[in-house]
Every structure is written in C-alpha cells, then in structure tokens.
PDB file of N, CA and C in Angstrom:
ATOM      1  N   UNK A   1     -44.983 197.362 -75.445  1.00  0.00           N
ATOM      2  CA  UNK A   1     -45.079 196.269 -74.813  1.00  0.00           C
ATOM      3  C   UNK A   1     -44.908 195.170 -75.868  1.00  0.00           C
ATOM      4  N   UNK A   2     -44.028 194.215 -74.812  1.00  0.00           N
ATOM      5  CA  UNK A   2     -43.456 193.206 -75.930  1.00  0.00           C
ATOM      6  C   UNK A   2     -44.484 192.110 -76.450  1.00  0.00           C
ATOM      7  N   UNK A   3     -44.262 191.452 -76.955  1.00  0.00           N
ATOM      8  CA  UNK A   3     -44.853 190.880 -78.099  1.00  0.00           C
ATOM      9  C   UNK A   3     -45.987 189.776 -77.511  1.00  0.00           C
ATOM     10  N   UNK A   4     -45.116 189.047 -76.404  1.00  0.00           N
ATOM     11  CA  UNK A   4     -46.185 187.837 -75.720  1.00  0.00           C
ATOM     12  C   UNK A   4     -47.174 188.814 -75.157  1.00  0.00           C
ATOM     13  N   UNK A   5     -46.913 189.530 -74.175  1.00  0.00           N
ATOM     14  CA  UNK A   5     -48.063 190.389 -73.542  1.00  0.00           C
ATOM     15  C   UNK A   5     -49.300 190.643 -74.471  1.00  0.00           C
ATOM     16  N   UNK A   6     -48.945 191.151 -75.500  1.00  0.00           N
ATOM     17  CA  UNK A   6     -49.847 192.051 -76.358  1.00  0.00           C
ATOM     18  C   UNK A   6     -50.426 190.787 -77.165  1.00  0.00           C
ATOM     19  N   UNK A   7     -49.753 189.320 -77.187  1.00  0.00           N
ATOM     20  CA  UNK A   7     -50.719 188.545 -77.580  1.00  0.00           C
ATOM     21  C   UNK A   7     -51.199 187.549 -77.082  1.00  0.00           C
ATOM     22  N   UNK A   8     -51.174 187.681 -75.455  1.00  0.00           N
ATOM     23  CA  UNK A   8     -52.121 187.204 -74.516  1.00  0.00           C
ATOM     24  C   UNK A   8     -53.479 187.634 -74.636  1.00  0.00           C
ATOM     25  N   UNK A   9     -54.454 186.127 -73.895  1.00  0.00           N
ATOM     26  CA  UNK A   9     -55.707 186.386 -73.974  1.00  0.00           C
ATOM     27  C   UNK A   9     -55.903 186.267 -72.978  1.00  0.00           C
ATOM     28  N   UNK A  10     -55.903 186.705 -71.760  1.00  0.00           N
ATOM     29  CA  UNK A  10     -55.905 186.857 -70.030  1.00  0.00           C
ATOM     30  C   UNK A  10     -57.540 186.571 -70.253  1.00  0.00           C
ATOM     31  N   UNK A  11     -57.860 185.941 -69.053  1.00  0.00           N
ATOM     32  CA  UNK A  11     -59.328 185.968 -68.740  1.00  0.00           C
ATOM     33  C   UNK A  11     -59.398 186.772 -67.378  1.00  0.00           C
ATOM     34  N   UNK A  12     -59.773 187.536 -67.857  1.00  0.00           N
ATOM     35  CA  UNK A  12     -60.000 188.750 -66.579  1.00  0.00           C
ATOM     36  C   UNK A  12     -60.568 188.272 -65.367  1.00  0.00           C
ATOM     37  N   UNK A  13     -60.591 188.884 -63.950  1.00  0.00           N
ATOM     38  CA  UNK A  13     -61.596 188.399 -62.838  1.00  0.00           C
ATOM     39  C   UNK A  13     -61.369 189.419 -61.967  1.00  0.00           C
ATOM     40  N   UNK A  14     -62.622 189.576 -61.420  1.00  0.00           N
ATOM     41  CA  UNK A  14     -62.492 190.600 -60.570  1.00  0.00           C
ATOM     42  C   UNK A  14     -62.249 190.597 -59.059  1.00  0.00           C
ATOM     43  N   UNK A  15     -61.375 191.742 -58.584  1.00  0.00           N
ATOM     44  CA  UNK A  15     -60.478 191.132 -56.950  1.00  0.00           C
ATOM     45  C   UNK A  15     -61.369 191.915 -56.303  1.00  0.00           C
ATOM     46  N   UNK A  16     -62.226 192.647 -56.202  1.00  0.00           N
ATOM     47  CA  UNK A  16     -63.008 193.460 -55.697  1.00  0.00           C
ATOM     48  C   UNK A  16     -62.189 194.810 -54.651  1.00  0.00           C
ATOM     49  N   UNK A  17     -60.978 195.201 -55.118  1.00  0.00           N
ATOM     50  CA  UNK A  17     -59.905 195.917 -54.900  1.00  0.00           C
ATOM     51  C   UNK A  17     -60.495 197.702 -55.441  1.00  0.00           C
ATOM     52  N   UNK A  18     -60.641 198.369 -55.161  1.00  0.00           N
ATOM     53  CA  UNK A  18     -60.327 199.618 -56.021  1.00  0.00           C
ATOM     54  C   UNK A  18     -59.287 200.347 -57.012  1.00  0.00           C
ATOM     55  N   UNK A  19     -58.574 199.775 -56.661  1.00  0.00           N
ATOM     56  CA  UNK A  19     -56.814 200.066 -57.318  1.00  0.00           C
ATOM     57  C   UNK A  19     -56.510 199.136 -58.362  1.00  0.00           C
ATOM     58  N   UNK A  20     -56.759 197.767 -57.460  1.00  0.00           N
ATOM     59  CA  UNK A  20     -56.064 196.633 -58.384  1.00  0.00           C
ATOM     60  C   UNK A  20     -57.563 195.790 -58.545  1.00  0.00           C
ATOM     61  N   UNK A  21     -58.499 196.127 -59.748  1.00  0.00           N
ATOM     62  CA  UNK A  21     -59.699 195.643 -60.008  1.00  0.00           C
ATOM     63  C   UNK A  21     -59.644 194.788 -60.751  1.00  0.00           C
ATOM     64  N   UNK A  22     -58.655 194.094 -61.288  1.00  0.00           N
ATOM     65  CA  UNK A  22     -58.217 193.065 -62.577  1.00  0.00           C
ATOM     66  C   UNK A  22     -57.127 192.238 -62.359  1.00  0.00           C
ATOM     67  N   UNK A  23     -57.420 190.961 -62.242  1.00  0.00           N
ATOM     68  CA  UNK A  23     -56.187 189.727 -62.561  1.00  0.00           C
ATOM     69  C   UNK A  23     -56.693 188.646 -63.064  1.00  0.00           C
ATOM     70  N   UNK A  24     -55.853 188.067 -63.968  1.00  0.00           N
ATOM     71  CA  UNK A  24     -55.970 186.841 -65.009  1.00  0.00           C
ATOM     72  C   UNK A  24     -54.517 185.690 -64.419  1.00  0.00           C
ATOM     73  N   UNK A  25     -54.743 184.570 -64.219  1.00  0.00           N
ATOM     74  CA  UNK A  25     -54.020 183.679 -64.265  1.00  0.00           C
ATOM     75  C   UNK A  25     -53.311 183.908 -66.100  1.00  0.00           C
ATOM     76  N   UNK A  26     -52.610 183.975 -66.122  1.00  0.00           N
ATOM     77  CA  UNK A  26     -51.785 183.651 -68.154  1.00  0.00           C
ATOM     78  C   UNK A  26     -50.566 182.367 -67.506  1.00  0.00           C
ATOM     79  N   UNK A  27     -50.718 181.858 -68.332  1.00  0.00           N
ATOM     80  CA  UNK A  27     -49.474 180.726 -68.415  1.00  0.00           C
ATOM     81  C   UNK A  27     -48.793 180.536 -67.070  1.00  0.00           C
ATOM     82  N   UNK A  28     -49.724 180.445 -65.855  1.00  0.00           N
ATOM     83  CA  UNK A  28     -48.871 179.836 -64.777  1.00  0.00           C
ATOM     84  C   UNK A  28     -48.170 181.183 -63.678  1.00  0.00           C
ATOM     85  N   UNK A  29     -48.615 182.577 -64.564  1.00  0.00           N
ATOM     86  CA  UNK A  29     -47.849 183.520 -63.498  1.00  0.00           C
ATOM     87  C   UNK A  29     -49.510 184.680 -63.376  1.00  0.00           C
ATOM     88  N   UNK A  30     -49.362 185.357 -62.314  1.00  0.00           N
ATOM     89  CA  UNK A  30     -50.183 186.260 -61.946  1.00  0.00           C
ATOM     90  C   UNK A  30     -50.381 187.420 -62.555  1.00  0.00           C
ATOM     91  N   UNK A  31     -51.560 188.111 -63.530  1.00  0.00           N
ATOM     92  CA  UNK A  31     -51.514 189.465 -64.326  1.00  0.00           C
ATOM     93  C   UNK A  31     -52.180 189.869 -63.132  1.00  0.00           C
ATOM     94  N   UNK A  32     -51.662 191.507 -62.249  1.00  0.00           N
ATOM     95  CA  UNK A  32     -53.014 192.334 -62.226  1.00  0.00           C
ATOM     96  C   UNK A  32     -52.862 193.418 -62.403  1.00  0.00           C
ATOM     97  N   UNK A  33     -53.873 194.174 -62.672  1.00  0.00           N
ATOM     98  CA  UNK A  33     -53.830 195.564 -63.639  1.00  0.00           C
ATOM     99  C   UNK A  33     -54.138 196.438 -62.019  1.00  0.00           C
ATOM    100  N   UNK A  34     -53.677 197.618 -62.395  1.00  0.00           N
ATOM    101  CA  UNK A  34     -53.883 198.934 -61.210  1.00  0.00           C
ATOM    102  C   UNK A  34     -54.760 199.740 -62.041  1.00  0.00           C
ATOM    103  N   UNK A  35     -55.242 200.512 -61.262  1.00  0.00           N
ATOM    104  CA  UNK A  35     -56.270 201.660 -62.180  1.00  0.00           C
ATOM    105  C   UNK A  35     -55.852 202.759 -61.701  1.00  0.00           C
ATOM    106  N   UNK A  36     -55.146 203.646 -62.523  1.00  0.00           N
ATOM    107  CA  UNK A  36     -54.690 205.234 -62.011  1.00  0.00           C
ATOM    108  C   UNK A  36     -55.079 206.352 -62.303  1.00  0.00           C
ATOM    109  N   UNK A  37     -54.836 207.434 -61.383  1.00  0.00           N
ATOM    110  CA  UNK A  37     -55.330 208.832 -62.061  1.00  0.00           C
ATOM    111  C   UNK A  37     -55.177 209.216 -63.601  1.00  0.00           C
ATOM    112  N   UNK A  38     -56.163 208.764 -64.389  1.00  0.00           N
ATOM    113  CA  UNK A  38     -55.979 209.344 -65.816  1.00  0.00           C
ATOM    114  C   UNK A  38     -56.892 210.466 -65.956  1.00  0.00           C
ATOM    115  N   UNK A  39     -56.361 211.213 -67.025  1.00  0.00           N
ATOM    116  CA  UNK A  39     -55.651 211.390 -67.820  1.00  0.00           C
ATOM    117  C   UNK A  39     -53.707 212.039 -67.143  1.00  0.00           C
ATOM    118  N   UNK A  40     -53.824 212.414 -65.890  1.00  0.00           N
ATOM    119  CA  UNK A  40     -52.468 212.743 -65.201  1.00  0.00           C
ATOM    120  C   UNK A  40     -51.785 211.689 -65.425  1.00  0.00           C
ATOM    121  N   UNK A  41     -51.584 210.489 -65.355  1.00  0.00           N
ATOM    122  CA  UNK A  41     -50.623 209.027 -65.706  1.00  0.00           C
ATOM    123  C   UNK A  41     -51.587 208.201 -66.281  1.00  0.00           C
ATOM    124  N   UNK A  42     -50.670 207.148 -66.349  1.00  0.00           N
ATOM    125  CA  UNK A  42     -51.541 205.796 -67.425  1.00  0.00           C
ATOM    126  C   UNK A  42     -52.708 205.486 -66.870  1.00  0.00           C
ATOM    127  N   UNK A  43     -53.324 204.905 -67.980  1.00  0.00           N
ATOM    128  CA  UNK A  43     -54.973 204.583 -67.546  1.00  0.00           C
ATOM    129  C   UNK A  43     -54.493 202.876 -66.486  1.00  0.00           C
ATOM    130  N   UNK A  44     -53.546 202.212 -66.810  1.00  0.00           N
ATOM    131  CA  UNK A  44     -53.228 200.897 -66.222  1.00  0.00           C
ATOM    132  C   UNK A  44     -52.206 201.102 -65.725  1.00  0.00           C
ATOM    133  N   UNK A  45     -51.494 200.353 -64.728  1.00  0.00           N
ATOM    134  CA  UNK A  45     -50.046 199.873 -64.754  1.00  0.00           C
ATOM    135  C   UNK A  45     -50.298 197.967 -65.118  1.00  0.00           C
ATOM    136  N   UNK A  46     -49.343 196.934 -65.313  1.00  0.00           N
ATOM    137  CA  UNK A  46     -50.004 195.878 -65.580  1.00  0.00           C
ATOM    138  C   UNK A  46     -48.555 194.786 -64.701  1.00  0.00           C
ATOM    139  N   UNK A  47     -48.777 194.693 -63.594  1.00  0.00           N
ATOM    140  CA  UNK A  47     -47.794 193.887 -62.953  1.00  0.00           C
ATOM    141  C   UNK A  47     -47.955 192.180 -62.700  1.00  0.00           C
ATOM    142  N   UNK A  48     -46.730 191.712 -63.282  1.00  0.00           N
ATOM    143  CA  UNK A  48     -46.916 190.013 -63.439  1.00  0.00           C
ATOM    144  C   UNK A  48     -46.260 189.953 -62.290  1.00  0.00           C
ATOM    145  N   UNK A  49     -46.710 188.764 -61.524  1.00  0.00           N
ATOM    146  CA  UNK A  49     -46.001 187.924 -60.205  1.00  0.00           C
ATOM    147  C   UNK A  49     -45.709 189.319 -59.585  1.00  0.00           C
ATOM    148  N   UNK A  50     -46.427 190.486 -59.526  1.00  0.00           N
ATOM    149  CA  UNK A  50     -45.844 191.376 -57.961  1.00  0.00           C
ATOM    150  C   UNK A  50     -44.614 192.396 -58.977  1.00  0.00           C
ATOM    151  N   UNK A  51     -44.608 192.621 -59.637  1.00  0.00           N
ATOM    152  CA  UNK A  51     -43.792 193.241 -60.755  1.00  0.00           C
ATOM    153  C   UNK A  51     -44.254 194.213 -61.539  1.00  0.00           C
ATOM    154  N   UNK A  52     -43.767 195.287 -61.426  1.00  0.00           N
ATOM    155  CA  UNK A  52     -44.628 196.305 -62.727  1.00  0.00           C
ATOM    156  C   UNK A  52     -44.318 196.008 -63.983  1.00  0.00           C
ATOM    157  N   UNK A  53     -44.316 195.687 -65.242  1.00  0.00           N
ATOM    158  CA  UNK A  53     -44.076 195.362 -66.256  1.00  0.00           C
ATOM    159  C   UNK A  53     -44.249 196.547 -67.223  1.00  0.00           C
ATOM    160  N   UNK A  54     -45.389 197.135 -67.419  1.00  0.00           N
ATOM    161  CA  UNK A  54     -45.869 198.330 -68.195  1.00  0.00           C
ATOM    162  C   UNK A  54     -47.308 199.299 -68.233  1.00  0.00           C
ATOM    163  N   UNK A  55     -47.134 200.567 -68.133  1.00  0.00           N
ATOM    164  CA  UNK A  55     -47.668 201.084 -67.886  1.00  0.00           C
ATOM    165  C   UNK A  55     -48.556 201.267 -69.522  1.00  0.00           C
ATOM    166  N   UNK A  56     -49.973 201.357 -69.621  1.00  0.00           N
ATOM    167  CA  UNK A  56     -51.028 201.513 -71.119  1.00  0.00           C
ATOM    168  C   UNK A  56     -51.634 202.369 -70.825  1.00  0.00           C
ATOM    169  N   UNK A  57     -52.109 203.187 -71.845  1.00  0.00           N
ATOM    170  CA  UNK A  57     -53.770 203.591 -72.087  1.00  0.00           C
ATOM    171  C   UNK A  57     -54.973 202.431 -72.345  1.00  0.00           C
ATOM    172  N   UNK A  58     -54.293 201.846 -73.658  1.00  0.00           N
ATOM    173  CA  UNK A  58     -55.068 201.341 -74.163  1.00  0.00           C
ATOM    174  C   UNK A  58     -54.713 199.983 -74.004  1.00  0.00           C
ATOM    175  N   UNK A  59     -55.382 198.991 -73.493  1.00  0.00           N
ATOM    176  CA  UNK A  59     -54.885 197.531 -73.676  1.00  0.00           C
ATOM    177  C   UNK A  59     -55.155 196.672 -74.782  1.00  0.00           C
ATOM    178  N   UNK A  60     -54.066 195.964 -75.256  1.00  0.00           N
ATOM    179  CA  UNK A  60     -54.314 195.256 -76.278  1.00  0.00           C
ATOM    180  C   UNK A  60     -56.027 194.267 -76.937  1.00  0.00           C
ATOM    181  N   UNK A  61     -56.009 194.683 -78.133  1.00  0.00           N
ATOM    182  CA  UNK A  61     -57.279 194.161 -78.375  1.00  0.00           C
ATOM    183  C   UNK A  61     -57.543 192.468 -77.919  1.00  0.00           C
ATOM    184  N   UNK A  62     -56.670 191.736 -77.628  1.00  0.00           N
ATOM    185  CA  UNK A  62     -56.543 190.761 -77.489  1.00  0.00           C
ATOM    186  C   UNK A  62     -56.982 190.512 -75.872  1.00  0.00           C
ATOM    187  N   UNK A  63     -56.935 191.298 -75.147  1.00  0.00           N
ATOM    188  CA  UNK A  63     -57.128 191.339 -73.453  1.00  0.00           C
ATOM    189  C   UNK A  63     -58.054 191.341 -73.478  1.00  0.00           C
ATOM    190  N   UNK A  64     -59.620 192.051 -74.894  1.00  0.00           N
ATOM    191  CA  UNK A  64     -60.886 192.080 -74.140  1.00  0.00           C
ATOM    192  C   UNK A  64     -61.369 193.357 -73.489  1.00  0.00           C
ATOM    193  N   UNK A  65     -62.222 193.409 -73.644  1.00  0.00           N
ATOM    194  CA  UNK A  65     -63.182 194.989 -72.326  1.00  0.00           C
ATOM    195  C   UNK A  65     -62.423 194.793 -71.075  1.00  0.00           C
ATOM    196  N   UNK A  66     -61.863 195.417 -70.556  1.00  0.00           N
ATOM    197  CA  UNK A  66     -61.501 195.752 -69.104  1.00  0.00           C
ATOM    198  C   UNK A  66     -62.427 196.790 -68.549  1.00  0.00           C
ATOM    199  N   UNK A  67     -63.296 195.546 -68.123  1.00  0.00           N
ATOM    200  CA  UNK A  67     -64.424 196.152 -67.450  1.00  0.00           C
ATOM    201  C   UNK A  67     -64.409 195.509 -65.805  1.00  0.00           C
ATOM    202  N   UNK A  68     -63.843 195.966 -65.087  1.00  0.00           N
ATOM    203  CA  UNK A  68     -63.596 195.671 -63.701  1.00  0.00           C
ATOM    204  C   UNK A  68     -65.537 195.115 -63.349  1.00  0.00           C
ATOM    205  N   UNK A  69     -66.544 195.833 -63.137  1.00  0.00           N
ATOM    206  CA  UNK A  69     -67.606 196.010 -62.879  1.00  0.00           C
ATOM    207  C   UNK A  69     -68.308 194.447 -63.278  1.00  0.00           C
ATOM    208  N   UNK A  70     -67.664 194.172 -64.564  1.00  0.00           N
ATOM    209  CA  UNK A  70     -69.003 193.094 -65.323  1.00  0.00           C
ATOM    210  C   UNK A  70     -67.998 191.546 -65.316  1.00  0.00           C
ATOM    211  N   UNK A  71     -66.821 191.865 -64.451  1.00  0.00           N
ATOM    212  CA  UNK A  71     -65.566 190.917 -64.561  1.00  0.00           C
ATOM    213  C   UNK A  71     -66.069 189.447 -63.633  1.00  0.00           C
ATOM    214  N   UNK A  72     -66.458 188.440 -63.786  1.00  0.00           N
ATOM    215  CA  UNK A  72     -66.378 187.369 -62.747  1.00  0.00           C
ATOM    216  C   UNK A  72     -65.419 187.474 -61.337  1.00  0.00           C
ATOM    217  N   UNK A  73     -65.847 187.491 -60.516  1.00  0.00           N
ATOM    218  CA  UNK A  73     -65.158 187.589 -59.097  1.00  0.00           C
ATOM    219  C   UNK A  73     -64.490 186.539 -59.224  1.00  0.00           C
ATOM    220  N   UNK A  74     -62.591 186.680 -58.339  1.00  0.00           N
ATOM    221  CA  UNK A  74     -62.285 186.072 -57.984  1.00  0.00           C
ATOM    222  C   UNK A  74     -62.415 185.237 -56.620  1.00  0.00           C
ATOM    223  N   UNK A  75     -62.064 183.964 -56.114  1.00  0.00           N
ATOM    224  CA  UNK A  75     -62.868 184.005 -54.719  1.00  0.00           C
ATOM    225  C   UNK A  75     -61.383 185.051 -53.816  1.00  0.00           C
ATOM    226  N   UNK A  76     -62.333 185.209 -52.624  1.00  0.00           N
ATOM    227  CA  UNK A  76     -61.236 186.017 -51.177  1.00  0.00           C
ATOM    228  C   UNK A  76     -60.248 186.282 -50.934  1.00  0.00           C
ATOM    229  N   UNK A  77     -59.925 184.458 -50.851  1.00  0.00           N
ATOM    230  CA  UNK A  77     -58.370 183.986 -50.501  1.00  0.00           C
ATOM    231  C   UNK A  77     -57.801 184.921 -51.349  1.00  0.00           C
ATOM    232  N   UNK A  78     -58.261 184.019 -52.704  1.00  0.00           N
ATOM    233  CA  UNK A  78     -56.897 184.215 -53.877  1.00  0.00           C
ATOM    234  C   UNK A  78     -56.553 185.382 -54.115  1.00  0.00           C
ATOM    235  N   UNK A  79     -57.771 186.464 -54.631  1.00  0.00           N
ATOM    236  CA  UNK A  79     -57.890 188.117 -54.471  1.00  0.00           C
ATOM    237  C   UNK A  79     -56.840 188.241 -52.999  1.00  0.00           C
ATOM    238  N   UNK A  80     -56.918 187.943 -52.256  1.00  0.00           N
ATOM    239  CA  UNK A  80     -55.777 188.340 -51.460  1.00  0.00           C
ATOM    240  C   UNK A  80     -54.843 188.249 -51.268  1.00  0.00           C
ATOM    241  N   UNK A  81     -54.606 186.786 -51.578  1.00  0.00           N
ATOM    242  CA  UNK A  81     -53.145 186.399 -51.785  1.00  0.00           C
ATOM    243  C   UNK A  81     -52.243 186.606 -53.048  1.00  0.00           C
ATOM    244  N   UNK A  82     -53.309 187.358 -54.049  1.00  0.00           N
ATOM    245  CA  UNK A  82     -52.389 187.831 -55.280  1.00  0.00           C
ATOM    246  C   UNK A  82     -51.990 189.449 -55.562  1.00  0.00           C
ATOM    247  N   UNK A  83     -52.528 190.143 -54.375  1.00  0.00           N
ATOM    248  CA  UNK A  83     -52.760 191.158 -54.032  1.00  0.00           C
ATOM    249  C   UNK A  83     -51.707 191.474 -52.779  1.00  0.00           C
ATOM    250  N   UNK A  84     -51.363 190.510 -51.687  1.00  0.00           N
ATOM    251  CA  UNK A  84     -50.993 191.325 -50.989  1.00  0.00           C
ATOM    252  C   UNK A  84     -49.575 191.570 -51.497  1.00  0.00           C
ATOM    253  N   UNK A  85     -48.548 191.295 -52.237  1.00  0.00           N
ATOM    254  CA  UNK A  85     -47.121 191.784 -52.324  1.00  0.00           C
ATOM    255  C   UNK A  85     -47.958 193.589 -53.178  1.00  0.00           C
ATOM    256  N   UNK A  86     -48.382 193.434 -53.864  1.00  0.00           N
ATOM    257  CA  UNK A  86     -48.822 194.514 -54.055  1.00  0.00           C
ATOM    258  C   UNK A  86     -49.492 195.991 -53.349  1.00  0.00           C
ATOM    259  N   UNK A  87     -49.745 195.916 -51.675  1.00  0.00           N
ATOM    260  CA  UNK A  87     -50.762 196.493 -51.079  1.00  0.00           C
ATOM    261  C   UNK A  87     -49.414 198.020 -51.210  1.00  0.00           C
ATOM    262  N   UNK A  88     -48.033 197.977 -51.057  1.00  0.00           N
ATOM    263  CA  UNK A  88     -47.668 199.260 -51.125  1.00  0.00           C
ATOM    264  C   UNK A  88     -47.665 199.751 -52.270  1.00  0.00           C
ATOM    265  N   UNK A  89     -48.135 199.793 -53.409  1.00  0.00           N
ATOM    266  CA  UNK A  89     -47.936 199.870 -54.629  1.00  0.00           C
ATOM    267  C   UNK A  89     -49.113 200.683 -55.118  1.00  0.00           C
ATOM    268  N   UNK A  90     -50.463 201.348 -54.512  1.00  0.00           N
ATOM    269  CA  UNK A  90     -51.685 201.644 -54.686  1.00  0.00           C
ATOM    270  C   UNK A  90     -51.492 203.249 -55.133  1.00  0.00           C
ATOM    271  N   UNK A  91     -50.274 204.154 -54.792  1.00  0.00           N
ATOM    272  CA  UNK A  91     -50.189 205.381 -55.922  1.00  0.00           C
ATOM    273  C   UNK A  91     -49.475 205.325 -56.792  1.00  0.00           C
ATOM    274  N   UNK A  92     -49.745 205.572 -57.847  1.00  0.00           N
ATOM    275  CA  UNK A  92     -48.813 205.543 -59.422  1.00  0.00           C
ATOM    276  C   UNK A  92     -47.708 206.210 -58.495  1.00  0.00           C
ATOM    277  N   UNK A  93     -46.310 205.021 -59.242  1.00  0.00           N
ATOM    278  CA  UNK A  93     -45.036 205.731 -59.343  1.00  0.00           C
ATOM    279  C   UNK A  93     -44.575 204.544 -58.285  1.00  0.00           C
ATOM    280  N   UNK A  94     -45.321 204.273 -57.407  1.00  0.00           N
ATOM    281  CA  UNK A  94     -45.064 203.843 -56.027  1.00  0.00           C
ATOM    282  C   UNK A  94     -43.861 202.316 -56.114  1.00  0.00           C
ATOM    283  N   UNK A  95     -44.274 202.056 -57.055  1.00  0.00           N
ATOM    284  CA  UNK A  95     -43.656 200.588 -57.587  1.00  0.00           C
ATOM    285  C   UNK A  95     -42.085 200.747 -57.769  1.00  0.00           C
ATOM    286  N   UNK A  96     -41.967 201.848 -58.276  1.00  0.00           N
ATOM    287  CA  UNK A  96     -40.681 202.889 -58.674  1.00  0.00           C
ATOM    288  C   UNK A  96     -39.853 203.374 -57.664  1.00  0.00           C
ATOM    289  N   UNK A  97     -40.391 203.618 -56.454  1.00  0.00           N
ATOM    290  CA  UNK A  97     -39.731 204.475 -55.372  1.00  0.00           C
ATOM    291  C   UNK A  97     -40.080 205.230 -55.577  1.00  0.00           C
ATOM    292  N   UNK A  98     -40.361 205.710 -56.729  1.00  0.00           N
ATOM    293  CA  UNK A  98     -41.086 207.378 -56.875  1.00  0.00           C
ATOM    294  C   UNK A  98     -42.977 207.609 -57.059  1.00  0.00           C
ATOM    295  N   UNK A  99     -43.246 207.499 -55.708  1.00  0.00           N
ATOM    296  CA  UNK A  99     -44.759 207.786 -55.695  1.00  0.00           C
ATOM    297  C   UNK A  99     -45.415 209.226 -55.797  1.00  0.00           C
ATOM    298  N   UNK A 100     -45.940 209.620 -57.128  1.00  0.00           N
ATOM    299  CA  UNK A 100     -46.820 210.114 -56.716  1.00  0.00           C
ATOM    300  C   UNK A 100     -47.486 210.927 -55.967  1.00  0.00           C
ATOM    301  N   UNK A 101     -47.071 212.594 -55.613  1.00  0.00           N
ATOM    302  CA  UNK A 101     -47.578 213.328 -54.327  1.00  0.00           C
ATOM    303  C   UNK A 101     -48.364 214.423 -54.994  1.00  0.00           C
ATOM    304  N   UNK A 102     -48.717 214.548 -56.141  1.00  0.00           N
ATOM    305  CA  UNK A 102     -49.691 215.269 -56.433  1.00  0.00           C
ATOM    306  C   UNK A 102     -51.052 215.753 -55.759  1.00  0.00           C
ATOM    307  N   UNK A 103     -51.183 216.277 -54.687  1.00  0.00           N
ATOM    308  CA  UNK A 103     -52.394 216.319 -54.218  1.00  0.00           C
ATOM    309  C   UNK A 103     -54.014 216.323 -55.474  1.00  0.00           C
ATOM    310  N   UNK A 104     -53.758 216.585 -56.306  1.00  0.00           N
ATOM    311  CA  UNK A 104     -55.177 216.271 -57.396  1.00  0.00           C
ATOM    312  C   UNK A 104     -55.255 215.248 -58.567  1.00  0.00           C
ATOM    313  N   UNK A 105     -53.639 214.443 -58.665  1.00  0.00           N
ATOM    314  CA  UNK A 105     -54.576 213.113 -59.024  1.00  0.00           C
ATOM    315  C   UNK A 105     -54.206 212.102 -58.311  1.00  0.00           C
ATOM    316  N   UNK A 106     -52.975 211.859 -57.019  1.00  0.00           N
ATOM    317  CA  UNK A 106     -53.157 210.918 -56.525  1.00  0.00           C
ATOM    318  C   UNK A 106     -52.693 211.275 -54.528  1.00  0.00           C
ATOM    319  N   UNK A 107     -53.509 212.360 -54.581  1.00  0.00           N
ATOM    320  CA  UNK A 107     -53.711 212.785 -53.013  1.00  0.00           C
ATOM    321  C   UNK A 107     -54.695 211.717 -52.664  1.00  0.00           C
TER     322      UNK A 107
END
C-alpha cells in the first residue's frame, strides 16, 4: 500500500450496505471498503472515488478499528450516491473484469 493511504486517518462511517459497509471522505475523495469472503480472498478491497486501489487483510493502524456495526451511519442519500458506481463490483475480482465464480466463497 502506498504511503499516503497507509498514513491517512479516515473517519469511517457506516453505509448500511452488506458488501460495502464502510466509507470515509479523505481529502476530498470518497474511500469505500468492500468486505470480501476471507480467507479465500483478501479481507478488504479499498476503492477510491469508485476505482479499486488495494486489497488488504490488515488495515494500517492509522485507519483505526474497522467495525461497521459501531461506525456512525452516513445519511442514506450520501451512501446511495457514493455506492452507485460500485454496485457492479460486489463480487471479488469483478472490478478487474474477473469476478470470482467459486460457489464456496463467492457464490
């Protein structure tokens, strides 16, 4: 992971979406985390402004605890707006045009 993302201190908010449970506004960009079927795939995928940036199993310490259930919720309009470009990427690998089709982890 690049230095900038690993040093950032996002203030995570819940989105209410099962696959994309956390989002944060960081320096004018929306970061969204997709929860993946771990351990078959990386635990999280970070999207920045709708584009996949990194897969990760452990978040940098500066990101704090990634706990969707305890994160304050975004308002529904904001959550829907920032998740709209990601709706086709709920399956691991779909953002790269290679969605996982294993019925045991992604089916």
